[in-house]
Amino acid sequence: MAKPELKQLIGESRALVLASEWYENAPISVLEAYALGRPVIGTRIGGIPELIVHNKTGVLVAPGNVGMLAEALASMAKLPRTARNRLGAAGRDWVLREFSPEKYRDRTMALYETVVH
């Protein structure tokens, strides 16, 4: 699937689901969903919980727990559009704040400072 098609698909979705059972380090798909204003349903494994604030930017579930995942999917589907949009907007605000070019530069410069001194 081409990038524009994927972007449209995610942008039109109710949420992105990342039901990984693998120790993802920092899955870019979460940030991409947030950038498009979509909440994320993800598993509590690896770096995923560091990117999802439960009930603020999405929902976290236990890895491998099919019942919990099904419940999260049903709950997200039942949420009013305004509530889902609030979750997605919170994720988008976080991405814009924490992953801007300026923030990246500042973190890189801070890292250089610790190495130099």
PDB file of N, CA and C in Angstrom:
ATOM      1  N   MET A   1       0.854  -1.171   0.000  1.00  0.00           N
ATOM      2  CA  MET A   1       0.000   0.000   0.000  1.00  0.00           C
ATOM      3  C   MET A   1       0.903   1.238   0.000  1.00  0.00           C
ATOM      4  N   ALA A   2       0.596   2.170  -0.876  1.00  0.00           N
ATOM      5  CA  ALA A   2       1.383   3.399  -0.984  1.00  0.00           C
ATOM      6  C   ALA A   2       1.136   4.296   0.226  1.00  0.00           C
ATOM      7  N   LYS A   3       2.121   5.137   0.516  1.00  0.00           N
ATOM      8  CA  LYS A   3       2.048   6.020   1.687  1.00  0.00           C
ATOM      9  C   LYS A   3       0.789   6.906   1.684  1.00  0.00           C
ATOM     10  N   PRO A   4       0.407   7.547   0.562  1.00  0.00           N
ATOM     11  CA  PRO A   4      -0.810   8.373   0.593  1.00  0.00           C
ATOM     12  C   PRO A   4      -2.075   7.553   0.900  1.00  0.00           C
ATOM     13  N   GLU A   5      -2.131   6.335   0.383  1.00  0.00           N
ATOM     14  CA  GLU A   5      -3.289   5.475   0.654  1.00  0.00           C
ATOM     15  C   GLU A   5      -3.338   5.073   2.123  1.00  0.00           C
ATOM     16  N   LEU A   6      -2.187   4.748   2.676  1.00  0.00           N
ATOM     17  CA  LEU A   6      -2.109   4.376   4.090  1.00  0.00           C
ATOM     18  C   LEU A   6      -2.494   5.564   4.968  1.00  0.00           C
ATOM     19  N   LYS A   7      -2.001   6.737   4.625  1.00  0.00           N
ATOM     20  CA  LYS A   7      -2.326   7.949   5.371  1.00  0.00           C
ATOM     21  C   LYS A   7      -3.834   8.207   5.343  1.00  0.00           C
ATOM     22  N   GLN A   8      -4.457   8.025   4.195  1.00  0.00           N
ATOM     23  CA  GLN A   8      -5.900   8.217   4.084  1.00  0.00           C
ATOM     24  C   GLN A   8      -6.646   7.179   4.915  1.00  0.00           C
ATOM     25  N   LEU A   9      -6.209   5.938   4.846  1.00  0.00           N
ATOM     26  CA  LEU A   9      -6.859   4.856   5.587  1.00  0.00           C
ATOM     27  C   LEU A   9      -6.798   5.113   7.097  1.00  0.00           C
ATOM     28  N   ILE A  10      -5.631   5.469   7.593  1.00  0.00           N
ATOM     29  CA  ILE A  10      -5.489   5.761   9.024  1.00  0.00           C
ATOM     30  C   ILE A  10      -6.304   6.995   9.392  1.00  0.00           C
ATOM     31  N   GLY A  11      -6.240   8.030   8.559  1.00  0.00           N
ATOM     32  CA  GLY A  11      -6.957   9.264   8.827  1.00  0.00           C
ATOM     33  C   GLY A  11      -8.464   9.101   8.877  1.00  0.00           C
ATOM     34  N   GLU A  12      -8.982   8.105   8.168  1.00  0.00           N
ATOM     35  CA  GLU A  12     -10.422   7.858   8.149  1.00  0.00           C
ATOM     36  C   GLU A  12     -10.862   6.827   9.187  1.00  0.00           C
ATOM     37  N   SER A  13      -9.910   6.230   9.879  1.00  0.00           N
ATOM     38  CA  SER A  13     -10.231   5.187  10.848  1.00  0.00           C
ATOM     39  C   SER A  13     -10.726   5.777  12.170  1.00  0.00           C
ATOM     40  N   ARG A  14     -11.326   4.942  12.984  1.00  0.00           N
ATOM     41  CA  ARG A  14     -11.721   5.370  14.331  1.00  0.00           C
ATOM     42  C   ARG A  14     -10.516   5.377  15.261  1.00  0.00           C
ATOM     43  N   ALA A  15      -9.597   4.453  15.022  1.00  0.00           N
ATOM     44  CA  ALA A  15      -8.379   4.350  15.826  1.00  0.00           C
ATOM     45  C   ALA A  15      -7.397   3.436  15.108  1.00  0.00           C
ATOM     46  N   LEU A  16      -6.145   3.560  15.468  1.00  0.00           N
ATOM     47  CA  LEU A  16      -5.133   2.623  14.998  1.00  0.00           C
ATOM     48  C   LEU A  16      -4.996   1.545  16.062  1.00  0.00           C
ATOM     49  N   VAL A  17      -4.882   0.296  15.632  1.00  0.00           N
ATOM     50  CA  VAL A  17      -4.717  -0.809  16.571  1.00  0.00           C
ATOM     51  C   VAL A  17      -3.317  -1.398  16.387  1.00  0.00           C
ATOM     52  N   LEU A  18      -2.559  -1.403  17.458  1.00  0.00           N
ATOM     53  CA  LEU A  18      -1.217  -1.983  17.461  1.00  0.00           C
ATOM     54  C   LEU A  18      -1.204  -3.065  18.538  1.00  0.00           C
ATOM     55  N   ALA A  19      -1.726  -4.227  18.169  1.00  0.00           N
ATOM     56  CA  ALA A  19      -1.875  -5.337  19.117  1.00  0.00           C
ATOM     57  C   ALA A  19      -0.639  -6.234  19.081  1.00  0.00           C
ATOM     58  N   SER A  20       0.503  -5.627  19.254  1.00  0.00           N
ATOM     59  CA  SER A  20       1.766  -6.335  19.160  1.00  0.00           C
ATOM     60  C   SER A  20       2.008  -7.222  20.386  1.00  0.00           C
ATOM     61  N   GLU A  21       2.643  -8.333  20.141  1.00  0.00           N
ATOM     62  CA  GLU A  21       3.122  -9.194  21.222  1.00  0.00           C
ATOM     63  C   GLU A  21       4.648  -9.213  21.202  1.00  0.00           C
ATOM     64  N   TRP A  22       5.219  -8.343  20.429  1.00  0.00           N
ATOM     65  CA  TRP A  22       6.652  -8.218  20.266  1.00  0.00           C
ATOM     66  C   TRP A  22       7.120  -6.960  20.987  1.00  0.00           C
ATOM     67  N   TYR A  23       8.346  -6.962  21.454  1.00  0.00           N
ATOM     68  CA  TYR A  23       8.890  -5.814  22.177  1.00  0.00           C
ATOM     69  C   TYR A  23       9.293  -4.717  21.202  1.00  0.00           C
ATOM     70  N   GLU A  24       8.295  -4.002  20.704  1.00  0.00           N
ATOM     71  CA  GLU A  24       8.537  -2.865  19.815  1.00  0.00           C
ATOM     72  C   GLU A  24       9.292  -1.807  20.607  1.00  0.00           C
ATOM     73  N   ASN A  25      10.291  -1.207  19.998  1.00  0.00           N
ATOM     74  CA  ASN A  25      11.067  -0.188  20.693  1.00  0.00           C
ATOM     75  C   ASN A  25      10.308   1.143  20.710  1.00  0.00           C
ATOM     76  N   ALA A  26      10.091   1.722  19.566  1.00  0.00           N
ATOM     77  CA  ALA A  26       9.368   2.994  19.456  1.00  0.00           C
ATOM     78  C   ALA A  26       8.629   2.975  18.123  1.00  0.00           C
ATOM     79  N   PRO A  27       7.509   2.285  18.072  1.00  0.00           N
ATOM     80  CA  PRO A  27       6.816   2.110  16.789  1.00  0.00           C
ATOM     81  C   PRO A  27       6.324   3.434  16.199  1.00  0.00           C
ATOM     82  N   ILE A  28       6.849   3.748  15.032  1.00  0.00           N
ATOM     83  CA  ILE A  28       6.502   4.993  14.345  1.00  0.00           C
ATOM     84  C   ILE A  28       5.020   5.040  13.983  1.00  0.00           C
ATOM     85  N   SER A  29       4.385   3.878  13.858  1.00  0.00           N
ATOM     86  CA  SER A  29       2.965   3.855  13.496  1.00  0.00           C
ATOM     87  C   SER A  29       2.103   4.581  14.527  1.00  0.00           C
ATOM     88  N   VAL A  30       2.500   4.551  15.797  1.00  0.00           N
ATOM     89  CA  VAL A  30       1.753   5.268  16.837  1.00  0.00           C
ATOM     90  C   VAL A  30       1.859   6.769  16.581  1.00  0.00           C
ATOM     91  N   LEU A  31       3.064   7.241  16.296  1.00  0.00           N
ATOM     92  CA  LEU A  31       3.271   8.667  16.049  1.00  0.00           C
ATOM     93  C   LEU A  31       2.555   9.111  14.778  1.00  0.00           C
ATOM     94  N   GLU A  32       2.559   8.260  13.759  1.00  0.00           N
ATOM     95  CA  GLU A  32       1.850   8.585  12.517  1.00  0.00           C
ATOM     96  C   GLU A  32       0.347   8.707  12.764  1.00  0.00           C
ATOM     97  N   ALA A  33      -0.207   7.808  13.560  1.00  0.00           N
ATOM     98  CA  ALA A  33      -1.636   7.881  13.879  1.00  0.00           C
ATOM     99  C   ALA A  33      -1.948   9.164  14.630  1.00  0.00           C
ATOM    100  N   TYR A  34      -1.118   9.494  15.608  1.00  0.00           N
ATOM    101  CA  TYR A  34      -1.318  10.731  16.358  1.00  0.00           C
ATOM    102  C   TYR A  34      -1.230  11.948  15.436  1.00  0.00           C
ATOM    103  N   ALA A  35      -0.264  11.946  14.538  1.00  0.00           N
ATOM    104  CA  ALA A  35      -0.102  13.072  13.615  1.00  0.00           C
ATOM    105  C   ALA A  35      -1.355  13.276  12.771  1.00  0.00           C
ATOM    106  N   LEU A  36      -2.081  12.188  12.536  1.00  0.00           N
ATOM    107  CA  LEU A  36      -3.331  12.260  11.776  1.00  0.00           C
ATOM    108  C   LEU A  36      -4.547  12.444  12.684  1.00  0.00           C
ATOM    109  N   GLY A  37      -4.295  12.630  13.977  1.00  0.00           N
ATOM    110  CA  GLY A  37      -5.386  12.883  14.911  1.00  0.00           C
ATOM    111  C   GLY A  37      -6.207  11.660  15.278  1.00  0.00           C
ATOM    112  N   ARG A  38      -5.592  10.473  15.206  1.00  0.00           N
ATOM    113  CA  ARG A  38      -6.299   9.243  15.534  1.00  0.00           C
ATOM    114  C   ARG A  38      -5.784   8.694  16.852  1.00  0.00           C
ATOM    115  N   PRO A  39      -6.670   8.203  17.714  1.00  0.00           N
ATOM    116  CA  PRO A  39      -6.221   7.538  18.941  1.00  0.00           C
ATOM    117  C   PRO A  39      -5.625   6.168  18.605  1.00  0.00           C
ATOM    118  N   VAL A  40      -4.942   5.576  19.570  1.00  0.00           N
ATOM    119  CA  VAL A  40      -4.284   4.285  19.356  1.00  0.00           C
ATOM    120  C   VAL A  40      -4.684   3.314  20.454  1.00  0.00           C
ATOM    121  N   ILE A  41      -5.015   2.104  20.034  1.00  0.00           N
ATOM    122  CA  ILE A  41      -5.204   0.986  20.960  1.00  0.00           C
ATOM    123  C   ILE A  41      -3.943   0.145  20.827  1.00  0.00           C
ATOM    124  N   GLY A  42      -3.191   0.032  21.908  1.00  0.00           N
ATOM    125  CA  GLY A  42      -1.930  -0.696  21.845  1.00  0.00           C
ATOM    126  C   GLY A  42      -1.736  -1.581  23.053  1.00  0.00           C
ATOM    127  N   THR A  43      -0.785  -2.482  22.924  1.00  0.00           N
ATOM    128  CA  THR A  43      -0.491  -3.411  24.005  1.00  0.00           C
ATOM    129  C   THR A  43       0.577  -2.847  24.952  1.00  0.00           C
ATOM    130  N   ARG A  44       0.509  -3.294  26.191  1.00  0.00           N
ATOM    131  CA  ARG A  44       1.480  -2.882  27.219  1.00  0.00           C
ATOM    132  C   ARG A  44       2.728  -3.753  27.110  1.00  0.00           C
ATOM    133  N   ILE A  45       3.515  -3.478  26.087  1.00  0.00           N
ATOM    134  CA  ILE A  45       4.737  -4.256  25.888  1.00  0.00           C
ATOM    135  C   ILE A  45       5.761  -3.374  25.174  1.00  0.00           C
ATOM    136  N   GLY A  46       7.016  -3.564  25.510  1.00  0.00           N
ATOM    137  CA  GLY A  46       8.080  -2.805  24.868  1.00  0.00           C
ATOM    138  C   GLY A  46       7.917  -1.316  25.078  1.00  0.00           C
ATOM    139  N   GLY A  47       8.130  -0.543  24.034  1.00  0.00           N
ATOM    140  CA  GLY A  47       8.039   0.904  24.112  1.00  0.00           C
ATOM    141  C   GLY A  47       6.651   1.466  23.859  1.00  0.00           C
ATOM    142  N   ILE A  48       5.692   0.612  23.540  1.00  0.00           N
ATOM    143  CA  ILE A  48       4.341   1.085  23.227  1.00  0.00           C
ATOM    144  C   ILE A  48       3.717   1.867  24.382  1.00  0.00           C
ATOM    145  N   PRO A  49       3.793   1.382  25.631  1.00  0.00           N
ATOM    146  CA  PRO A  49       3.188   2.140  26.729  1.00  0.00           C
ATOM    147  C   PRO A  49       3.826   3.510  26.962  1.00  0.00           C
ATOM    148  N   GLU A  50       5.039   3.709  26.456  1.00  0.00           N
ATOM    149  CA  GLU A  50       5.684   5.013  26.590  1.00  0.00           C
ATOM    150  C   GLU A  50       5.085   6.038  25.629  1.00  0.00           C
ATOM    151  N   LEU A  51       4.354   5.555  24.619  1.00  0.00           N
ATOM    152  CA  LEU A  51       3.785   6.445  23.614  1.00  0.00           C
ATOM    153  C   LEU A  51       2.279   6.648  23.770  1.00  0.00           C
ATOM    154  N   ILE A  52       1.624   5.798  24.542  1.00  0.00           N
ATOM    155  CA  ILE A  52       0.172   5.880  24.709  1.00  0.00           C
ATOM    156  C   ILE A  52      -0.141   6.207  26.165  1.00  0.00           C
ATOM    157  N   VAL A  53      -0.880   7.281  26.360  1.00  0.00           N
ATOM    158  CA  VAL A  53      -1.346   7.618  27.700  1.00  0.00           C
ATOM    159  C   VAL A  53      -2.763   7.073  27.798  1.00  0.00           C
ATOM    160  N   HIS A  54      -2.940   6.043  28.634  1.00  0.00           N
ATOM    161  CA  HIS A  54      -4.216   5.337  28.743  1.00  0.00           C
ATOM    162  C   HIS A  54      -5.362   6.312  29.020  1.00  0.00           C
ATOM    163  N   ASN A  55      -6.374   6.223  28.193  1.00  0.00           N
ATOM    164  CA  ASN A  55      -7.588   7.060  28.261  1.00  0.00           C
ATOM    165  C   ASN A  55      -7.333   8.545  28.023  1.00  0.00           C
ATOM    166  N   LYS A  56      -6.152   8.896  27.547  1.00  0.00           N
ATOM    167  CA  LYS A  56      -5.847  10.295  27.194  1.00  0.00           C
ATOM    168  C   LYS A  56      -5.529  10.423  25.710  1.00  0.00           C
ATOM    169  N   THR A  57      -4.722   9.480  25.190  1.00  0.00           N
ATOM    170  CA  THR A  57      -4.378   9.479  23.763  1.00  0.00           C
ATOM    171  C   THR A  57      -4.774   8.162  23.101  1.00  0.00           C
ATOM    172  N   GLY A  58      -5.256   7.242  23.903  1.00  0.00           N
ATOM    173  CA  GLY A  58      -5.653   5.933  23.408  1.00  0.00           C
ATOM    174  C   GLY A  58      -5.926   4.991  24.556  1.00  0.00           C
ATOM    175  N   VAL A  59      -5.774   3.705  24.274  1.00  0.00           N
ATOM    176  CA  VAL A  59      -6.075   2.679  25.274  1.00  0.00           C
ATOM    177  C   VAL A  59      -4.961   1.634  25.246  1.00  0.00           C
ATOM    178  N   LEU A  60      -4.564   1.182  26.420  1.00  0.00           N
ATOM    179  CA  LEU A  60      -3.569   0.114  26.540  1.00  0.00           C
ATOM    180  C   LEU A  60      -4.243  -1.168  27.009  1.00  0.00           C
ATOM    181  N   VAL A  61      -3.820  -2.281  26.415  1.00  0.00           N
ATOM    182  CA  VAL A  61      -4.334  -3.598  26.799  1.00  0.00           C
ATOM    183  C   VAL A  61      -3.161  -4.547  27.017  1.00  0.00           C
ATOM    184  N   ALA A  62      -3.417  -5.616  27.726  1.00  0.00           N
ATOM    185  CA  ALA A  62      -2.373  -6.620  27.971  1.00  0.00           C
ATOM    186  C   ALA A  62      -2.071  -7.380  26.687  1.00  0.00           C
ATOM    187  N   PRO A  63      -0.790  -7.627  26.395  1.00  0.00           N
ATOM    188  CA  PRO A  63      -0.453  -8.391  25.193  1.00  0.00           C
ATOM    189  C   PRO A  63      -0.992  -9.821  25.296  1.00  0.00           C
ATOM    190  N   GLY A  64      -1.546 -10.296  24.201  1.00  0.00           N
ATOM    191  CA  GLY A  64      -2.054 -11.662  24.147  1.00  0.00           C
ATOM    192  C   GLY A  64      -3.419 -11.855  24.778  1.00  0.00           C
ATOM    193  N   ASN A  65      -3.997 -10.803  25.334  1.00  0.00           N
ATOM    194  CA  ASN A  65      -5.302 -10.910  25.981  1.00  0.00           C
ATOM    195  C   ASN A  65      -6.383 -10.522  24.975  1.00  0.00           C
ATOM    196  N   VAL A  66      -6.903 -11.523  24.279  1.00  0.00           N
ATOM    197  CA  VAL A  66      -7.872 -11.302  23.206  1.00  0.00           C
ATOM    198  C   VAL A  66      -9.154 -10.664  23.733  1.00  0.00           C
ATOM    199  N   GLY A  67      -9.609 -11.101  24.907  1.00  0.00           N
ATOM    200  CA  GLY A  67     -10.826 -10.540  25.491  1.00  0.00           C
ATOM    201  C   GLY A  67     -10.680  -9.059  25.795  1.00  0.00           C
ATOM    202  N   MET A  68      -9.532  -8.688  26.354  1.00  0.00           N
ATOM    203  CA  MET A  68      -9.278  -7.290  26.687  1.00  0.00           C
ATOM    204  C   MET A  68      -9.184  -6.438  25.417  1.00  0.00           C
ATOM    205  N   LEU A  69      -8.561  -6.988  24.383  1.00  0.00           N
ATOM    206  CA  LEU A  69      -8.461  -6.282  23.106  1.00  0.00           C
ATOM    207  C   LEU A  69      -9.848  -6.105  22.490  1.00  0.00           C
ATOM    208  N   ALA A  70     -10.652  -7.159  22.515  1.00  0.00           N
ATOM    209  CA  ALA A  70     -12.009  -7.074  21.965  1.00  0.00           C
ATOM    210  C   ALA A  70     -12.832  -6.032  22.706  1.00  0.00           C
ATOM    211  N   GLU A  71     -12.676  -5.983  24.015  1.00  0.00           N
ATOM    212  CA  GLU A  71     -13.388  -4.992  24.824  1.00  0.00           C
ATOM    213  C   GLU A  71     -12.938  -3.572  24.474  1.00  0.00           C
ATOM    214  N   ALA A  72     -11.641  -3.388  24.288  1.00  0.00           N
ATOM    215  CA  ALA A  72     -11.115  -2.067  23.925  1.00  0.00           C
ATOM    216  C   ALA A  72     -11.620  -1.639  22.548  1.00  0.00           C
ATOM    217  N   LEU A  73     -11.658  -2.579  21.615  1.00  0.00           N
ATOM    218  CA  LEU A  73     -12.168  -2.276  20.270  1.00  0.00           C
ATOM    219  C   LEU A  73     -13.641  -1.880  20.324  1.00  0.00           C
ATOM    220  N   ALA A  74     -14.425  -2.644  21.074  1.00  0.00           N
ATOM    221  CA  ALA A  74     -15.856  -2.351  21.194  1.00  0.00           C
ATOM    222  C   ALA A  74     -16.077  -1.005  21.882  1.00  0.00           C
ATOM    223  N   SER A  75     -15.307  -0.733  22.922  1.00  0.00           N
ATOM    224  CA  SER A  75     -15.445   0.543  23.630  1.00  0.00           C
ATOM    225  C   SER A  75     -15.091   1.713  22.731  1.00  0.00           C
ATOM    226  N   MET A  76     -14.025   1.573  21.960  1.00  0.00           N
ATOM    227  CA  MET A  76     -13.606   2.649  21.062  1.00  0.00           C
ATOM    228  C   MET A  76     -14.671   2.865  19.984  1.00  0.00           C
ATOM    229  N   ALA A  77     -15.227   1.785  19.487  1.00  0.00           N
ATOM    230  CA  ALA A  77     -16.257   1.893  18.444  1.00  0.00           C
ATOM    231  C   ALA A  77     -17.516   2.571  18.974  1.00  0.00           C
ATOM    232  N   LYS A  78     -17.824   2.367  20.249  1.00  0.00           N
ATOM    233  CA  LYS A  78     -19.026   2.955  20.860  1.00  0.00           C
ATOM    234  C   LYS A  78     -18.839   4.410  21.278  1.00  0.00           C
ATOM    235  N   LEU A  79     -17.587   4.840  21.426  1.00  0.00           N
ATOM    236  CA  LEU A  79     -17.341   6.227  21.844  1.00  0.00           C
ATOM    237  C   LEU A  79     -17.929   7.192  20.825  1.00  0.00           C
ATOM    238  N   PRO A  80     -18.517   8.266  21.299  1.00  0.00           N
ATOM    239  CA  PRO A  80     -18.963   9.296  20.359  1.00  0.00           C
ATOM    240  C   PRO A  80     -17.760   9.848  19.587  1.00  0.00           C
ATOM    241  N   ARG A  81     -18.010  10.281  18.386  1.00  0.00           N
ATOM    242  CA  ARG A  81     -16.941  10.816  17.538  1.00  0.00           C
ATOM    243  C   ARG A  81     -16.171  11.929  18.255  1.00  0.00           C
ATOM    244  N   THR A  82     -16.856  12.773  18.999  1.00  0.00           N
ATOM    245  CA  THR A  82     -16.177  13.874  19.697  1.00  0.00           C
ATOM    246  C   THR A  82     -15.185  13.351  20.734  1.00  0.00           C
ATOM    247  N   ALA A  83     -15.538  12.269  21.411  1.00  0.00           N
ATOM    248  CA  ALA A  83     -14.636  11.682  22.409  1.00  0.00           C
ATOM    249  C   ALA A  83     -13.415  11.064  21.727  1.00  0.00           C
ATOM    250  N   ARG A  84     -13.635  10.350  20.622  1.00  0.00           N
ATOM    251  CA  ARG A  84     -12.500   9.785  19.872  1.00  0.00           C
ATOM    252  C   ARG A  84     -11.613  10.904  19.339  1.00  0.00           C
ATOM    253  N   ASN A  85     -12.250  11.973  18.859  1.00  0.00           N
ATOM    254  CA  ASN A  85     -11.475  13.099  18.339  1.00  0.00           C
ATOM    255  C   ASN A  85     -10.642  13.761  19.431  1.00  0.00           C
ATOM    256  N   ARG A  86     -11.167  13.796  20.660  1.00  0.00           N
ATOM    257  CA  ARG A  86     -10.389  14.363  21.787  1.00  0.00           C
ATOM    258  C   ARG A  86      -9.143  13.518  22.050  1.00  0.00           C
ATOM    259  N   LEU A  87      -9.305  12.197  22.038  1.00  0.00           N
ATOM    260  CA  LEU A  87      -8.149  11.317  22.228  1.00  0.00           C
ATOM    261  C   LEU A  87      -7.119  11.547  21.131  1.00  0.00           C
ATOM    262  N   GLY A  88      -7.598  11.589  19.893  1.00  0.00           N
ATOM    263  CA  GLY A  88      -6.694  11.805  18.763  1.00  0.00           C
ATOM    264  C   GLY A  88      -6.023  13.166  18.813  1.00  0.00           C
ATOM    265  N   ALA A  89      -6.777  14.186  19.198  1.00  0.00           N
ATOM    266  CA  ALA A  89      -6.217  15.537  19.287  1.00  0.00           C
ATOM    267  C   ALA A  89      -5.145  15.616  20.372  1.00  0.00           C
ATOM    268  N   ALA A  90      -5.352  14.912  21.472  1.00  0.00           N
ATOM    269  CA  ALA A  90      -4.353  14.894  22.544  1.00  0.00           C
ATOM    270  C   ALA A  90      -3.059  14.253  22.039  1.00  0.00           C
ATOM    271  N   GLY A  91      -3.184  13.175  21.271  1.00  0.00           N
ATOM    272  CA  GLY A  91      -2.009  12.539  20.673  1.00  0.00           C
ATOM    273  C   GLY A  91      -1.323  13.459  19.683  1.00  0.00           C
ATOM    274  N   ARG A  92      -2.118  14.131  18.870  1.00  0.00           N
ATOM    275  CA  ARG A  92      -1.550  15.064  17.873  1.00  0.00           C
ATOM    276  C   ARG A  92      -0.818  16.208  18.565  1.00  0.00           C
ATOM    277  N   ASP A  93      -1.415  16.776  19.599  1.00  0.00           N
ATOM    278  CA  ASP A  93      -0.762  17.857  20.346  1.00  0.00           C
ATOM    279  C   ASP A  93       0.572  17.395  20.918  1.00  0.00           C
ATOM    280  N   TRP A  94       0.590  16.176  21.462  1.00  0.00           N
ATOM    281  CA  TRP A  94       1.819  15.635  22.043  1.00  0.00           C
ATOM    282  C   TRP A  94       2.898  15.471  20.975  1.00  0.00           C
ATOM    283  N   VAL A  95       2.520  14.914  19.811  1.00  0.00           N
ATOM    284  CA  VAL A  95       3.490  14.726  18.723  1.00  0.00           C
ATOM    285  C   VAL A  95       4.039  16.074  18.265  1.00  0.00           C
ATOM    286  N   LEU A  96       3.163  17.053  18.094  1.00  0.00           N
ATOM    287  CA  LEU A  96       3.621  18.375  17.643  1.00  0.00           C
ATOM    288  C   LEU A  96       4.554  19.018  18.663  1.00  0.00           C
ATOM    289  N   ARG A  97       4.281  18.790  19.938  1.00  0.00           N
ATOM    290  CA  ARG A  97       5.091  19.375  21.007  1.00  0.00           C
ATOM    291  C   ARG A  97       6.430  18.656  21.164  1.00  0.00           C
ATOM    292  N   GLU A  98       6.395  17.331  21.183  1.00  0.00           N
ATOM    293  CA  GLU A  98       7.583  16.550  21.540  1.00  0.00           C
ATOM    294  C   GLU A  98       8.437  16.080  20.361  1.00  0.00           C
ATOM    295  N   PHE A  99       7.921  16.138  19.149  1.00  0.00           N
ATOM    296  CA  PHE A  99       8.665  15.614  18.002  1.00  0.00           C
ATOM    297  C   PHE A  99       8.842  16.660  16.906  1.00  0.00           C
ATOM    298  N   SER A 100       8.809  17.912  17.287  1.00  0.00           N
ATOM    299  CA  SER A 100       9.038  18.992  16.327  1.00  0.00           C
ATOM    300  C   SER A 100      10.525  19.032  15.971  1.00  0.00           C
ATOM    301  N   PRO A 101      10.865  19.647  14.847  1.00  0.00           N
ATOM    302  CA  PRO A 101      12.292  19.792  14.508  1.00  0.00           C
ATOM    303  C   PRO A 101      13.074  20.535  15.599  1.00  0.00           C
ATOM    304  N   GLU A 102      12.423  21.517  16.217  1.00  0.00           N
ATOM    305  CA  GLU A 102      13.099  22.280  17.269  1.00  0.00           C
ATOM    306  C   GLU A 102      13.389  21.409  18.489  1.00  0.00           C
ATOM    307  N   LYS A 103      12.422  20.589  18.858  1.00  0.00           N
ATOM    308  CA  LYS A 103      12.595  19.701  20.016  1.00  0.00           C
ATOM    309  C   LYS A 103      13.701  18.681  19.722  1.00  0.00           C
ATOM    310  N   TYR A 104      13.723  18.158  18.501  1.00  0.00           N
ATOM    311  CA  TYR A 104      14.763  17.208  18.102  1.00  0.00           C
ATOM    312  C   TYR A 104      16.138  17.876  18.192  1.00  0.00           C
ATOM    313  N   ARG A 105      16.233  19.093  17.673  1.00  0.00           N
ATOM    314  CA  ARG A 105      17.491  19.833  17.739  1.00  0.00           C
ATOM    315  C   ARG A 105      17.922  20.038  19.186  1.00  0.00           C
ATOM    316  N   ASP A 106      16.985  20.466  20.024  1.00  0.00           N
ATOM    317  CA  ASP A 106      17.305  20.718  21.430  1.00  0.00           C
ATOM    318  C   ASP A 106      17.794  19.451  22.131  1.00  0.00           C
ATOM    319  N   ARG A 107      17.141  18.336  21.872  1.00  0.00           N
ATOM    320  CA  ARG A 107      17.576  17.071  22.497  1.00  0.00           C
ATOM    321  C   ARG A 107      18.944  16.645  21.986  1.00  0.00           C
ATOM    322  N   THR A 108      19.167  16.830  20.688  1.00  0.00           N
ATOM    323  CA  THR A 108      20.458  16.464  20.114  1.00  0.00           C
ATOM    324  C   THR A 108      21.569  17.327  20.699  1.00  0.00           C
ATOM    325  N   MET A 109      21.313  18.618  20.802  1.00  0.00           N
ATOM    326  CA  MET A 109      22.320  19.528  21.364  1.00  0.00           C
ATOM    327  C   MET A 109      22.584  19.205  22.831  1.00  0.00           C
ATOM    328  N   ALA A 110      21.550  18.874  23.575  1.00  0.00           N
ATOM    329  CA  ALA A 110      21.728  18.499  24.983  1.00  0.00           C
ATOM    330  C   ALA A 110      22.579  17.229  25.095  1.00  0.00           C
ATOM    331  N   LEU A 111      22.351  16.294  24.197  1.00  0.00           N
ATOM    332  CA  LEU A 111      23.145  15.061  24.199  1.00  0.00           C
ATOM    333  C   LEU A 111      24.606  15.388  23.881  1.00  0.00           C
ATOM    334  N   TYR A 112      24.849  16.233  22.894  1.00  0.00           N
ATOM    335  CA  TYR A 112      26.211  16.647  22.574  1.00  0.00           C
ATOM    336  C   TYR A 112      26.886  17.316  23.764  1.00  0.00           C
ATOM    337  N   GLU A 113      26.134  18.138  24.459  1.00  0.00           N
ATOM    338  CA  GLU A 113      26.683  18.821  25.637  1.00  0.00           C
ATOM    339  C   GLU A 113      27.139  17.819  26.701  1.00  0.00           C
ATOM    340  N   THR A 114      26.370  16.769  26.917  1.00  0.00           N
ATOM    341  CA  THR A 114      26.765  15.777  27.922  1.00  0.00           C
ATOM    342  C   THR A 114      28.002  15.010  27.487  1.00  0.00           C
ATOM    343  N   VAL A 115      28.168  14.814  26.190  1.00  0.00           N
ATOM    344  CA  VAL A 115      29.335  14.082  25.685  1.00  0.00           C
ATOM    345  C   VAL A 115      30.576  14.970  25.732  1.00  0.00           C
ATOM    346  N   VAL A 116      30.449  16.227  25.387  1.00  0.00           N
ATOM    347  CA  VAL A 116      31.580  17.149  25.357  1.00  0.00           C
ATOM    348  C   VAL A 116      32.095  17.455  26.748  1.00  0.00           C
ATOM    349  N   HIS A 117      31.173  17.588  27.688  1.00  0.00           N
ATOM    350  CA  HIS A 117      31.569  17.954  29.064  1.00  0.00           C
ATOM    351  C   HIS A 117      31.603  16.715  29.880  1.00  0.00           C
TER     352      HIS A 117
END
